[in-house]
Amino acid sequence: MKTICGLNGFGRFGIHLLNYWLENISTARFEIKFINDDTLDPKNILKIIQEDKKTNFGNYEISLKNEILLIKDKKNKNVHEIICTNTSSEKIKWIGQPKILFEASGKNTLKNDCLKFIKNNTSHVIISATSADADQTLVYSYNHDEFKISNKVISYGSCTVNAYVPLAHYINENYSVEESDVNVVHNIPEYKLDNFNTIQKKICTLEKSGPNLLSFLNNNNFNVNYVLIPYSGVSSIDLRFSVKNKTNLENFINHLKKTIDTGNLKNIYGYSNKDEGPNTFNLSKNSMEIIISNIVIKNHNIYIHGYFDNENSVNRFFDLCNHIIKKL
């Protein structure tokens, strides 16, 4: 029997999570039975699902009966029923029923904000963002095995954290990282494009999460440049690692490919031999798609370029939730 879960917040993360969960229902250990959004009523939730251009619900017949979203799988005819509500997080009437609350509104990123959700049957909250004071920040494939049942509020990191941390750990294990830089060119949601016509440099959650999660990084040897641009496609990321153990390009690429194909990075990263542009990787299941032809090694510096579908970073959220539920 699958664990009953509820989702608070049906923005970009929420709709991608619903889509990814449906497409991977055979491996999901959980069932999404509740959705709340403080700005969207059930009719608008249905409308967004039907009209969204970046997700793909083509395998399903979706309708609304009162407050219940009915999702029928066209292949196996299974029907999922999801209760949809439209209220503030303090007034969600179904809190206490699901075992786990997925907090994806972007408005409850601190532990104290999430404690109100833990009552009756609801035992844990998993935040779809970086939290400054969550009981644990768990990055799937890096430290997810450190989950402790006694920790009630969990952060899954963020799209950039999941793209960077496992790969950086791999580089350090094999080549010993002395310094690292990250440059991110990040999209914005399509609905914001009309009011966004320039580039903006912002603070990235990875800037603090990197040193917090990886012991070989600190404020003196790690830097993140994060720029938003008026574009709604797949985002781009460039990494530099200054390493103690020098390597050559051929050996580095061969070892990296092998680790992605059969090693610790399998099903976490992907790679392409040539650069065919970012939107080739729309809805990619990988945390980052590495472009092999763009890897450069100069002296002790390794430069890696890739793309990541930040809106679909729900892939690692899904994996982490599956793991936590297995432990519970």
C-alpha atoms as a PDB file:
ATOM      1  CA  MET A   1       0.000   0.000   0.000  1.00  0.00           C
ATOM      2  CA  LYS A   2       1.325   3.417  -0.960  1.00  0.00           C
ATOM      3  CA  THR A   3       1.871   6.147   1.634  1.00  0.00           C
ATOM      4  CA  ILE A   4      -0.688   8.964   1.452  1.00  0.00           C
ATOM      5  CA  CYS A   5       0.868  12.397   0.855  1.00  0.00           C
ATOM      6  CA  GLY A   6      -0.380  15.942   0.406  1.00  0.00           C
ATOM      7  CA  LEU A   7       1.037  18.806  -1.654  1.00  0.00           C
ATOM      8  CA  ASN A   8       0.893  22.435  -0.533  1.00  0.00           C
ATOM      9  CA  GLY A   9       1.619  24.792  -3.427  1.00  0.00           C
ATOM     10  CA  PHE A  10       0.821  24.217  -7.091  1.00  0.00           C
ATOM     11  CA  GLY A  11       3.324  26.496  -8.789  1.00  0.00           C
ATOM     12  CA  ARG A  12       5.990  25.379 -11.243  1.00  0.00           C
ATOM     13  CA  PHE A  13       7.423  22.786  -8.861  1.00  0.00           C
ATOM     14  CA  GLY A  14       4.012  21.433  -7.911  1.00  0.00           C
ATOM     15  CA  ILE A  15       2.785  20.853 -11.450  1.00  0.00           C
ATOM     16  CA  HIS A  16       6.058  19.169 -12.448  1.00  0.00           C
ATOM     17  CA  LEU A  17       5.920  16.957  -9.357  1.00  0.00           C
ATOM     18  CA  LEU A  18       2.382  15.840 -10.207  1.00  0.00           C
ATOM     19  CA  ASN A  19       3.442  15.103 -13.794  1.00  0.00           C
ATOM     20  CA  TYR A  20       6.586  13.212 -12.763  1.00  0.00           C
ATOM     21  CA  TRP A  21       4.719  11.220 -10.119  1.00  0.00           C
ATOM     22  CA  LEU A  22       2.091  10.107 -12.628  1.00  0.00           C
ATOM     23  CA  GLU A  23       4.706   9.145 -15.205  1.00  0.00           C
ATOM     24  CA  ASN A  24       6.620   7.120 -12.597  1.00  0.00           C
ATOM     25  CA  ILE A  25       3.669   5.749 -10.660  1.00  0.00           C
ATOM     26  CA  SER A  26       4.923   2.159 -10.907  1.00  0.00           C
ATOM     27  CA  THR A  27       7.972   2.956  -8.764  1.00  0.00           C
ATOM     28  CA  ALA A  28       6.347   5.548  -6.490  1.00  0.00           C
ATOM     29  CA  ARG A  29       5.948   4.517  -2.863  1.00  0.00           C
ATOM     30  CA  PHE A  30       3.450   7.319  -2.313  1.00  0.00           C
ATOM     31  CA  GLU A  31       0.073   8.511  -3.525  1.00  0.00           C
ATOM     32  CA  ILE A  32      -0.694  12.226  -3.837  1.00  0.00           C
ATOM     33  CA  LYS A  33      -4.237  12.522  -2.460  1.00  0.00           C
ATOM     34  CA  PHE A  34      -4.400  16.215  -1.563  1.00  0.00           C
ATOM     35  CA  ILE A  35      -3.368  19.492  -3.233  1.00  0.00           C
ATOM     36  CA  ASN A  36      -3.719  22.956  -1.709  1.00  0.00           C
ATOM     37  CA  ASP A  37      -2.821  26.305  -3.208  1.00  0.00           C
ATOM     38  CA  ASP A  38      -3.531  29.644  -1.562  1.00  0.00           C
ATOM     39  CA  THR A  39      -4.105  31.462  -4.866  1.00  0.00           C
ATOM     40  CA  LEU A  40      -5.551  28.766  -7.145  1.00  0.00           C
ATOM     41  CA  ASP A  41      -9.012  27.236  -6.735  1.00  0.00           C
ATOM     42  CA  PRO A  42      -9.684  23.702  -8.086  1.00  0.00           C
ATOM     43  CA  LYS A  43     -10.946  25.023 -11.446  1.00  0.00           C
ATOM     44  CA  ASN A  44      -7.749  26.998 -11.981  1.00  0.00           C
ATOM     45  CA  ILE A  45      -5.619  24.006 -10.973  1.00  0.00           C
ATOM     46  CA  LEU A  46      -7.384  21.966 -13.669  1.00  0.00           C
ATOM     47  CA  LYS A  47      -6.976  24.774 -16.217  1.00  0.00           C
ATOM     48  CA  ILE A  48      -3.244  25.074 -15.544  1.00  0.00           C
ATOM     49  CA  ILE A  49      -2.769  21.327 -15.947  1.00  0.00           C
ATOM     50  CA  GLN A  50      -4.653  21.356 -19.257  1.00  0.00           C
ATOM     51  CA  GLU A  51      -2.839  24.383 -20.682  1.00  0.00           C
ATOM     52  CA  ASP A  52       0.722  24.066 -19.337  1.00  0.00           C
ATOM     53  CA  LYS A  53       3.282  23.973 -22.162  1.00  0.00           C
ATOM     54  CA  LYS A  54       6.269  22.503 -20.303  1.00  0.00           C
ATOM     55  CA  THR A  55       4.681  19.416 -18.763  1.00  0.00           C
ATOM     56  CA  ASN A  56       3.011  16.540 -20.594  1.00  0.00           C
ATOM     57  CA  PHE A  57      -0.269  15.130 -19.314  1.00  0.00           C
ATOM     58  CA  GLY A  58      -1.189  13.626 -22.686  1.00  0.00           C
ATOM     59  CA  ASN A  59      -1.463  10.113 -21.255  1.00  0.00           C
ATOM     60  CA  TYR A  60      -4.319  11.094 -18.963  1.00  0.00           C
ATOM     61  CA  GLU A  61      -7.936  12.199 -19.057  1.00  0.00           C
ATOM     62  CA  ILE A  62      -8.287  14.863 -16.372  1.00  0.00           C
ATOM     63  CA  SER A  63     -11.532  16.322 -15.062  1.00  0.00           C
ATOM     64  CA  LEU A  64     -12.955  17.932 -11.952  1.00  0.00           C
ATOM     65  CA  LYS A  65     -15.880  16.777  -9.835  1.00  0.00           C
ATOM     66  CA  ASN A  66     -16.614  19.391  -7.187  1.00  0.00           C
ATOM     67  CA  GLU A  67     -13.231  19.705  -5.381  1.00  0.00           C
ATOM     68  CA  ILE A  68     -11.939  16.328  -6.546  1.00  0.00           C
ATOM     69  CA  LEU A  69      -9.443  16.171  -9.411  1.00  0.00           C
ATOM     70  CA  LEU A  70      -9.995  12.951 -11.386  1.00  0.00           C
ATOM     71  CA  ILE A  71      -6.964  11.710 -13.328  1.00  0.00           C
ATOM     72  CA  LYS A  72      -7.610   8.656 -15.519  1.00  0.00           C
ATOM     73  CA  ASP A  73      -4.669   6.825 -17.065  1.00  0.00           C
ATOM     74  CA  LYS A  74      -5.578   6.183 -20.711  1.00  0.00           C
ATOM     75  CA  LYS A  75      -3.458   3.012 -20.826  1.00  0.00           C
ATOM     76  CA  ASN A  76      -4.498   1.068 -17.742  1.00  0.00           C
ATOM     77  CA  LYS A  77      -7.719   2.993 -16.940  1.00  0.00           C
ATOM     78  CA  ASN A  78      -6.616   3.559 -13.318  1.00  0.00           C
ATOM     79  CA  VAL A  79      -8.168   6.672 -11.780  1.00  0.00           C
ATOM     80  CA  HIS A  80      -6.447   8.864  -9.193  1.00  0.00           C
ATOM     81  CA  GLU A  81      -8.653  11.069  -7.048  1.00  0.00           C
ATOM     82  CA  ILE A  82      -7.059  14.180  -5.536  1.00  0.00           C
ATOM     83  CA  ILE A  83      -8.866  16.557  -3.194  1.00  0.00           C
ATOM     84  CA  CYS A  84      -8.036  20.161  -4.158  1.00  0.00           C
ATOM     85  CA  THR A  85      -8.404  23.083  -1.770  1.00  0.00           C
ATOM     86  CA  ASN A  86      -7.812  26.821  -2.022  1.00  0.00           C
ATOM     87  CA  THR A  87      -6.855  28.328   1.333  1.00  0.00           C
ATOM     88  CA  SER A  88      -3.957  29.676   3.357  1.00  0.00           C
ATOM     89  CA  SER A  89      -1.521  27.136   4.785  1.00  0.00           C
ATOM     90  CA  GLU A  90      -2.864  27.791   8.295  1.00  0.00           C
ATOM     91  CA  LYS A  91      -6.391  26.713   7.288  1.00  0.00           C
ATOM     92  CA  ILE A  92      -5.839  23.588   5.190  1.00  0.00           C
ATOM     93  CA  LYS A  93      -8.636  21.295   6.305  1.00  0.00           C
ATOM     94  CA  TRP A  94      -6.931  18.032   5.334  1.00  0.00           C
ATOM     95  CA  ILE A  95      -3.741  18.616   7.358  1.00  0.00           C
ATOM     96  CA  GLY A  96      -3.237  15.665   9.686  1.00  0.00           C
ATOM     97  CA  GLN A  97      -4.515  13.082   7.186  1.00  0.00           C
ATOM     98  CA  PRO A  98      -1.524  12.474   4.858  1.00  0.00           C
ATOM     99  CA  LYS A  99       1.569  10.837   6.316  1.00  0.00           C
ATOM    100  CA  ILE A 100       3.883  13.340   4.613  1.00  0.00           C
ATOM    101  CA  LEU A 101       3.313  16.940   3.550  1.00  0.00           C
ATOM    102  CA  PHE A 102       5.185  18.160   0.475  1.00  0.00           C
ATOM    103  CA  GLU A 103       5.730  21.896   1.021  1.00  0.00           C
ATOM    104  CA  ALA A 104       6.107  23.489  -2.422  1.00  0.00           C
ATOM    105  CA  SER A 105       4.514  26.909  -1.987  1.00  0.00           C
ATOM    106  CA  GLY A 106       7.858  28.677  -1.498  1.00  0.00           C
ATOM    107  CA  LYS A 107       6.344  30.441   1.511  1.00  0.00           C
ATOM    108  CA  ASN A 108       7.218  27.958   4.264  1.00  0.00           C
ATOM    109  CA  THR A 109      10.954  27.382   3.960  1.00  0.00           C
ATOM    110  CA  LEU A 110      11.813  27.697   7.660  1.00  0.00           C
ATOM    111  CA  LYS A 111      11.348  24.898  10.159  1.00  0.00           C
ATOM    112  CA  ASN A 112       8.979  26.882  12.359  1.00  0.00           C
ATOM    113  CA  ASP A 113       6.755  27.579   9.353  1.00  0.00           C
ATOM    114  CA  CYS A 114       6.422  23.845   8.732  1.00  0.00           C
ATOM    115  CA  LEU A 115       5.776  22.640  12.261  1.00  0.00           C
ATOM    116  CA  LYS A 116       2.103  23.638  11.966  1.00  0.00           C
ATOM    117  CA  PHE A 117       1.673  20.852   9.419  1.00  0.00           C
ATOM    118  CA  ILE A 118       2.838  18.121  11.801  1.00  0.00           C
ATOM    119  CA  LYS A 119      -0.146  16.804  13.689  1.00  0.00           C
ATOM    120  CA  ASN A 120      -2.257  13.656  13.911  1.00  0.00           C
ATOM    121  CA  ASN A 121      -1.132  11.335  11.107  1.00  0.00           C
ATOM    122  CA  THR A 122       1.147  13.872   9.409  1.00  0.00           C
ATOM    123  CA  SER A 123       4.614  13.075  10.752  1.00  0.00           C
ATOM    124  CA  HIS A 124       7.064  14.709   8.302  1.00  0.00           C
ATOM    125  CA  VAL A 125       7.355  17.717   6.002  1.00  0.00           C
ATOM    126  CA  ILE A 126       9.638  17.689   2.956  1.00  0.00           C
ATOM    127  CA  ILE A 127      10.414  21.159   1.587  1.00  0.00           C
ATOM    128  CA  SER A 128      10.960  21.620  -2.158  1.00  0.00           C
ATOM    129  CA  ALA A 129      13.592  24.294  -1.556  1.00  0.00           C
ATOM    130  CA  THR A 130      16.685  25.052   0.446  1.00  0.00           C
ATOM    131  CA  SER A 131      15.866  25.717   4.089  1.00  0.00           C
ATOM    132  CA  ALA A 132      18.122  27.652   6.440  1.00  0.00           C
ATOM    133  CA  ASP A 133      17.142  25.627   9.503  1.00  0.00           C
ATOM    134  CA  ALA A 134      15.499  22.370   8.419  1.00  0.00           C
ATOM    135  CA  ASP A 135      16.337  19.377  10.586  1.00  0.00           C
ATOM    136  CA  GLN A 136      18.255  17.959   7.622  1.00  0.00           C
ATOM    137  CA  THR A 137      19.131  18.901   4.056  1.00  0.00           C
ATOM    138  CA  LEU A 138      19.287  15.682   2.080  1.00  0.00           C
ATOM    139  CA  VAL A 139      20.611  15.472  -1.472  1.00  0.00           C
ATOM    140  CA  TYR A 140      19.667  12.230  -3.137  1.00  0.00           C
ATOM    141  CA  SER A 141      22.690  10.115  -4.169  1.00  0.00           C
ATOM    142  CA  TYR A 142      24.947  12.125  -1.842  1.00  0.00           C
ATOM    143  CA  ASN A 143      23.705  12.008   1.774  1.00  0.00           C
ATOM    144  CA  HIS A 144      20.148  10.654   1.579  1.00  0.00           C
ATOM    145  CA  ASP A 145      21.151   7.599   3.625  1.00  0.00           C
ATOM    146  CA  GLU A 146      21.706   9.924   6.605  1.00  0.00           C
ATOM    147  CA  PHE A 147      17.957  10.469   7.009  1.00  0.00           C
ATOM    148  CA  LYS A 148      16.819  10.102  10.616  1.00  0.00           C
ATOM    149  CA  ILE A 149      13.184   9.410  11.419  1.00  0.00           C
ATOM    150  CA  SER A 150      13.393  11.766  14.401  1.00  0.00           C
ATOM    151  CA  ASN A 151      14.033  14.678  12.022  1.00  0.00           C
ATOM    152  CA  LYS A 152      10.626  15.971  11.036  1.00  0.00           C
ATOM    153  CA  VAL A 153      11.386  18.824   8.608  1.00  0.00           C
ATOM    154  CA  ILE A 154      13.548  17.896   5.621  1.00  0.00           C
ATOM    155  CA  SER A 155      14.867  20.049   2.759  1.00  0.00           C
ATOM    156  CA  TYR A 156      15.677  18.398  -0.557  1.00  0.00           C
ATOM    157  CA  GLY A 157      18.109  21.179  -1.490  1.00  0.00           C
ATOM    158  CA  SER A 158      17.361  22.930  -4.785  1.00  0.00           C
ATOM    159  CA  CYS A 159      17.840  22.452  -8.523  1.00  0.00           C
ATOM    160  CA  THR A 160      21.392  23.849  -8.432  1.00  0.00           C
ATOM    161  CA  VAL A 161      22.284  21.990  -5.235  1.00  0.00           C
ATOM    162  CA  ASN A 162      21.206  18.696  -6.776  1.00  0.00           C
ATOM    163  CA  ALA A 163      23.027  19.474 -10.025  1.00  0.00           C
ATOM    164  CA  TYR A 164      26.294  20.361  -8.296  1.00  0.00           C
ATOM    165  CA  VAL A 165      26.769  18.445  -5.034  1.00  0.00           C
ATOM    166  CA  PRO A 166      26.967  14.760  -6.123  1.00  0.00           C
ATOM    167  CA  LEU A 167      29.266  15.628  -9.042  1.00  0.00           C
ATOM    168  CA  ALA A 168      31.496  17.806  -6.857  1.00  0.00           C
ATOM    169  CA  HIS A 169      31.729  14.959  -4.343  1.00  0.00           C
ATOM    170  CA  TYR A 170      32.781  12.606  -7.147  1.00  0.00           C
ATOM    171  CA  ILE A 171      35.436  15.068  -8.396  1.00  0.00           C
ATOM    172  CA  ASN A 172      36.819  15.487  -4.892  1.00  0.00           C
ATOM    173  CA  GLU A 173      36.916  11.748  -4.220  1.00  0.00           C
ATOM    174  CA  ASN A 174      38.944  11.154  -7.375  1.00  0.00           C
ATOM    175  CA  TYR A 175      40.980  14.325  -7.873  1.00  0.00           C
ATOM    176  CA  SER A 176      40.913  16.260  -4.557  1.00  0.00           C
ATOM    177  CA  VAL A 177      39.218  19.642  -5.032  1.00  0.00           C
ATOM    178  CA  GLU A 178      41.109  22.725  -3.870  1.00  0.00           C
ATOM    179  CA  GLU A 179      38.810  25.406  -5.343  1.00  0.00           C
ATOM    180  CA  SER A 180      35.535  25.488  -7.237  1.00  0.00           C
ATOM    181  CA  ASP A 181      33.445  28.038  -9.128  1.00  0.00           C
ATOM    182  CA  VAL A 182      29.911  27.725 -10.467  1.00  0.00           C
ATOM    183  CA  ASN A 183      28.268  29.894 -13.109  1.00  0.00           C
ATOM    184  CA  VAL A 184      24.537  29.469 -13.617  1.00  0.00           C
ATOM    185  CA  VAL A 185      22.423  30.991 -16.387  1.00  0.00           C
ATOM    186  CA  HIS A 186      18.923  30.388 -15.068  1.00  0.00           C
ATOM    187  CA  ASN A 187      15.530  30.671 -16.709  1.00  0.00           C
ATOM    188  CA  ILE A 188      12.390  32.296 -15.352  1.00  0.00           C
ATOM    189  CA  PRO A 189       8.833  30.947 -15.606  1.00  0.00           C
ATOM    190  CA  GLU A 190       7.075  31.842 -18.823  1.00  0.00           C
ATOM    191  CA  TYR A 191       4.302  33.745 -17.031  1.00  0.00           C
ATOM    192  CA  LYS A 192       6.895  36.242 -15.753  1.00  0.00           C
ATOM    193  CA  LEU A 193       8.390  37.049 -19.163  1.00  0.00           C
ATOM    194  CA  ASP A 194       6.099  40.000 -19.881  1.00  0.00           C
ATOM    195  CA  ASN A 195       7.540  41.876 -16.901  1.00  0.00           C
ATOM    196  CA  PHE A 196      11.126  40.665 -17.202  1.00  0.00           C
ATOM    197  CA  ASN A 197      13.217  42.066 -20.037  1.00  0.00           C
ATOM    198  CA  THR A 198      16.754  42.198 -18.701  1.00  0.00           C
ATOM    199  CA  ILE A 199      19.307  40.055 -16.876  1.00  0.00           C
ATOM    200  CA  GLN A 200      19.509  39.989 -13.086  1.00  0.00           C
ATOM    201  CA  LYS A 201      22.312  38.741 -10.880  1.00  0.00           C
ATOM    202  CA  LYS A 202      20.919  37.001  -7.802  1.00  0.00           C
ATOM    203  CA  ILE A 203      22.074  35.071  -4.749  1.00  0.00           C
ATOM    204  CA  CYS A 204      21.947  31.304  -5.311  1.00  0.00           C
ATOM    205  CA  THR A 205      21.020  28.800  -2.604  1.00  0.00           C
ATOM    206  CA  LEU A 206      24.056  26.748  -3.631  1.00  0.00           C
ATOM    207  CA  GLU A 207      26.351  29.488  -2.312  1.00  0.00           C
ATOM    208  CA  LYS A 208      25.635  28.502   1.304  1.00  0.00           C
ATOM    209  CA  SER A 209      24.496  24.932   0.780  1.00  0.00           C
ATOM    210  CA  GLY A 210      27.700  23.918  -1.001  1.00  0.00           C
ATOM    211  CA  PRO A 211      30.038  24.549   1.966  1.00  0.00           C
ATOM    212  CA  ASN A 212      27.395  23.291   4.412  1.00  0.00           C
ATOM    213  CA  LEU A 213      27.133  19.966   2.639  1.00  0.00           C
ATOM    214  CA  LEU A 214      30.666  19.452   1.321  1.00  0.00           C
ATOM    215  CA  SER A 215      33.497  19.626   3.844  1.00  0.00           C
ATOM    216  CA  PHE A 216      36.160  20.485   1.238  1.00  0.00           C
ATOM    217  CA  LEU A 217      34.390  23.764   0.357  1.00  0.00           C
ATOM    218  CA  ASN A 218      34.375  27.008   2.318  1.00  0.00           C
ATOM    219  CA  ASN A 219      33.794  30.717   1.772  1.00  0.00           C
ATOM    220  CA  ASN A 220      37.382  31.192   0.632  1.00  0.00           C
ATOM    221  CA  ASN A 221      37.566  28.525  -2.077  1.00  0.00           C
ATOM    222  CA  PHE A 222      34.018  28.468  -3.469  1.00  0.00           C
ATOM    223  CA  ASN A 223      32.098  31.010  -5.525  1.00  0.00           C
ATOM    224  CA  VAL A 224      28.741  31.000  -7.305  1.00  0.00           C
ATOM    225  CA  ASN A 225      27.619  33.398 -10.039  1.00  0.00           C
ATOM    226  CA  TYR A 226      23.883  33.132 -10.635  1.00  0.00           C
ATOM    227  CA  VAL A 227      22.131  35.121 -13.351  1.00  0.00           C
ATOM    228  CA  LEU A 228      18.465  35.138 -14.333  1.00  0.00           C
ATOM    229  CA  ILE A 229      17.679  35.848 -17.984  1.00  0.00           C
ATOM    230  CA  PRO A 230      14.391  36.539 -19.835  1.00  0.00           C
ATOM    231  CA  TYR A 231      14.064  33.009 -21.191  1.00  0.00           C
ATOM    232  CA  SER A 232      11.861  30.106 -20.089  1.00  0.00           C
ATOM    233  CA  GLY A 233      13.777  27.102 -21.397  1.00  0.00           C
ATOM    234  CA  VAL A 234      16.294  24.723 -19.839  1.00  0.00           C
ATOM    235  CA  SER A 235      19.025  26.365 -17.749  1.00  0.00           C
ATOM    236  CA  SER A 236      22.806  26.235 -18.244  1.00  0.00           C
ATOM    237  CA  ILE A 237      25.561  25.555 -15.712  1.00  0.00           C
ATOM    238  CA  ASP A 238      29.368  25.802 -15.897  1.00  0.00           C
ATOM    239  CA  LEU A 239      31.629  24.316 -13.235  1.00  0.00           C
ATOM    240  CA  ARG A 240      35.319  24.783 -12.543  1.00  0.00           C
ATOM    241  CA  PHE A 241      37.267  22.538 -10.211  1.00  0.00           C
ATOM    242  CA  SER A 242      40.873  23.292  -9.335  1.00  0.00           C
ATOM    243  CA  VAL A 243      42.220  19.891  -8.263  1.00  0.00           C
ATOM    244  CA  LYS A 244      45.315  18.591  -6.539  1.00  0.00           C
ATOM    245  CA  ASN A 245      45.521  15.359  -8.542  1.00  0.00           C
ATOM    246  CA  LYS A 246      46.132  16.342 -12.151  1.00  0.00           C
ATOM    247  CA  THR A 247      44.528  14.277 -14.907  1.00  0.00           C
ATOM    248  CA  ASN A 248      44.312  14.353 -18.697  1.00  0.00           C
ATOM    249  CA  LEU A 249      41.187  14.902 -20.751  1.00  0.00           C
ATOM    250  CA  GLU A 250      40.855  11.391 -22.169  1.00  0.00           C
ATOM    251  CA  ASN A 251      41.216   9.628 -18.817  1.00  0.00           C
ATOM    252  CA  PHE A 252      38.873  12.069 -17.114  1.00  0.00           C
ATOM    253  CA  ILE A 253      36.132  11.650 -19.714  1.00  0.00           C
ATOM    254  CA  ASN A 254      36.420   7.860 -19.785  1.00  0.00           C
ATOM    255  CA  HIS A 255      36.198   7.586 -16.009  1.00  0.00           C
ATOM    256  CA  LEU A 256      33.303  10.065 -15.812  1.00  0.00           C
ATOM    257  CA  LYS A 257      31.327   8.235 -18.485  1.00  0.00           C
ATOM    258  CA  LYS A 258      31.883   4.898 -16.779  1.00  0.00           C
ATOM    259  CA  THR A 259      30.734   6.288 -13.435  1.00  0.00           C
ATOM    260  CA  ILE A 260      27.587   7.722 -15.028  1.00  0.00           C
ATOM    261  CA  ASP A 261      26.888   4.514 -16.961  1.00  0.00           C
ATOM    262  CA  THR A 262      27.482   1.979 -14.202  1.00  0.00           C
ATOM    263  CA  GLY A 263      28.796   3.710 -11.063  1.00  0.00           C
ATOM    264  CA  ASN A 264      27.646   6.040  -8.296  1.00  0.00           C
ATOM    265  CA  LEU A 265      26.377   8.708 -10.698  1.00  0.00           C
ATOM    266  CA  LYS A 266      24.072   6.354 -12.616  1.00  0.00           C
ATOM    267  CA  ASN A 267      20.523   7.685 -12.986  1.00  0.00           C
ATOM    268  CA  ILE A 268      21.669  10.982 -11.447  1.00  0.00           C
ATOM    269  CA  TYR A 269      23.611  12.529 -14.338  1.00  0.00           C
ATOM    270  CA  GLY A 270      23.475  12.103 -18.072  1.00  0.00           C
ATOM    271  CA  TYR A 271      25.856  13.106 -20.841  1.00  0.00           C
ATOM    272  CA  SER A 272      25.882  13.937 -24.535  1.00  0.00           C
ATOM    273  CA  ASN A 273      28.952  13.850 -26.723  1.00  0.00           C
ATOM    274  CA  LYS A 274      28.065  17.103 -28.485  1.00  0.00           C
ATOM    275  CA  ASP A 275      26.165  20.251 -27.652  1.00  0.00           C
ATOM    276  CA  GLU A 276      22.735  20.321 -29.311  1.00  0.00           C
ATOM    277  CA  GLY A 277      21.354  23.106 -27.176  1.00  0.00           C
ATOM    278  CA  PRO A 278      19.552  23.341 -23.852  1.00  0.00           C
ATOM    279  CA  ASN A 279      15.999  22.481 -24.825  1.00  0.00           C
ATOM    280  CA  THR A 280      17.103  19.047 -25.999  1.00  0.00           C
ATOM    281  CA  PHE A 281      16.880  18.228 -22.297  1.00  0.00           C
ATOM    282  CA  ASN A 282      13.396  19.498 -21.509  1.00  0.00           C
ATOM    283  CA  LEU A 283      11.874  17.193 -18.827  1.00  0.00           C
ATOM    284  CA  SER A 284      15.194  15.366 -18.422  1.00  0.00           C
ATOM    285  CA  LYS A 285      15.197  12.941 -15.500  1.00  0.00           C
ATOM    286  CA  ASN A 286      18.832  13.761 -14.752  1.00  0.00           C
ATOM    287  CA  SER A 287      20.065  16.396 -12.310  1.00  0.00           C
ATOM    288  CA  MET A 288      22.469  17.638 -14.965  1.00  0.00           C
ATOM    289  CA  GLU A 289      23.235  16.750 -18.580  1.00  0.00           C
ATOM    290  CA  ILE A 290      26.988  17.027 -19.107  1.00  0.00           C
ATOM    291  CA  ILE A 291      28.220  18.041 -22.572  1.00  0.00           C
ATOM    292  CA  ILE A 292      31.340  15.937 -23.172  1.00  0.00           C
ATOM    293  CA  SER A 293      32.645  18.057 -26.070  1.00  0.00           C
ATOM    294  CA  ASN A 294      32.634  21.125 -23.799  1.00  0.00           C
ATOM    295  CA  ILE A 295      34.807  19.588 -21.063  1.00  0.00           C
ATOM    296  CA  VAL A 296      38.188  21.309 -20.876  1.00  0.00           C
ATOM    297  CA  ILE A 297      41.234  20.588 -18.715  1.00  0.00           C
ATOM    298  CA  LYS A 298      43.919  23.242 -18.296  1.00  0.00           C
ATOM    299  CA  ASN A 299      46.731  22.459 -15.890  1.00  0.00           C
ATOM    300  CA  HIS A 300      44.979  21.606 -12.608  1.00  0.00           C
ATOM    301  CA  ASN A 301      41.626  23.061 -13.658  1.00  0.00           C
ATOM    302  CA  ILE A 302      38.702  20.934 -14.858  1.00  0.00           C
ATOM    303  CA  TYR A 303      35.919  22.817 -16.665  1.00  0.00           C
ATOM    304  CA  ILE A 304      32.546  21.128 -17.082  1.00  0.00           C
ATOM    305  CA  HIS A 305      29.537  22.505 -18.930  1.00  0.00           C
ATOM    306  CA  GLY A 306      26.022  21.166 -18.899  1.00  0.00           C
ATOM    307  CA  TYR A 307      22.301  21.837 -18.811  1.00  0.00           C
ATOM    308  CA  PHE A 308      19.652  21.186 -16.192  1.00  0.00           C
ATOM    309  CA  ASP A 309      15.897  21.431 -16.370  1.00  0.00           C
ATOM    310  CA  ASN A 310      15.450  23.296 -13.100  1.00  0.00           C
ATOM    311  CA  GLU A 311      11.663  23.036 -13.320  1.00  0.00           C
ATOM    312  CA  ASN A 312      11.994  19.260 -13.462  1.00  0.00           C
ATOM    313  CA  SER A 313      14.341  18.921 -10.501  1.00  0.00           C
ATOM    314  CA  VAL A 314      11.347  17.141  -8.988  1.00  0.00           C
ATOM    315  CA  ASN A 315      13.154  13.989 -10.156  1.00  0.00           C
ATOM    316  CA  ARG A 316      15.450  14.067  -7.119  1.00  0.00           C
ATOM    317  CA  PHE A 317      12.606  15.198  -4.848  1.00  0.00           C
ATOM    318  CA  PHE A 318      10.693  12.111  -5.993  1.00  0.00           C
ATOM    319  CA  ASP A 319      13.690   9.839  -5.309  1.00  0.00           C
ATOM    320  CA  LEU A 320      14.272  11.360  -1.882  1.00  0.00           C
ATOM    321  CA  CYS A 321      10.612  10.998  -0.915  1.00  0.00           C
ATOM    322  CA  ASN A 322      10.638   7.359  -2.009  1.00  0.00           C
ATOM    323  CA  HIS A 323      13.710   6.748   0.146  1.00  0.00           C
ATOM    324  CA  ILE A 324      12.277   8.497   3.208  1.00  0.00           C
ATOM    325  CA  ILE A 325       9.016   6.584   2.921  1.00  0.00           C
ATOM    326  CA  LYS A 326      10.928   3.316   2.696  1.00  0.00           C
ATOM    327  CA  LYS A 327      12.711   4.197   5.964  1.00  0.00           C
ATOM    328  CA  LEU A 328       9.438   5.198   7.620  1.00  0.00           C
END
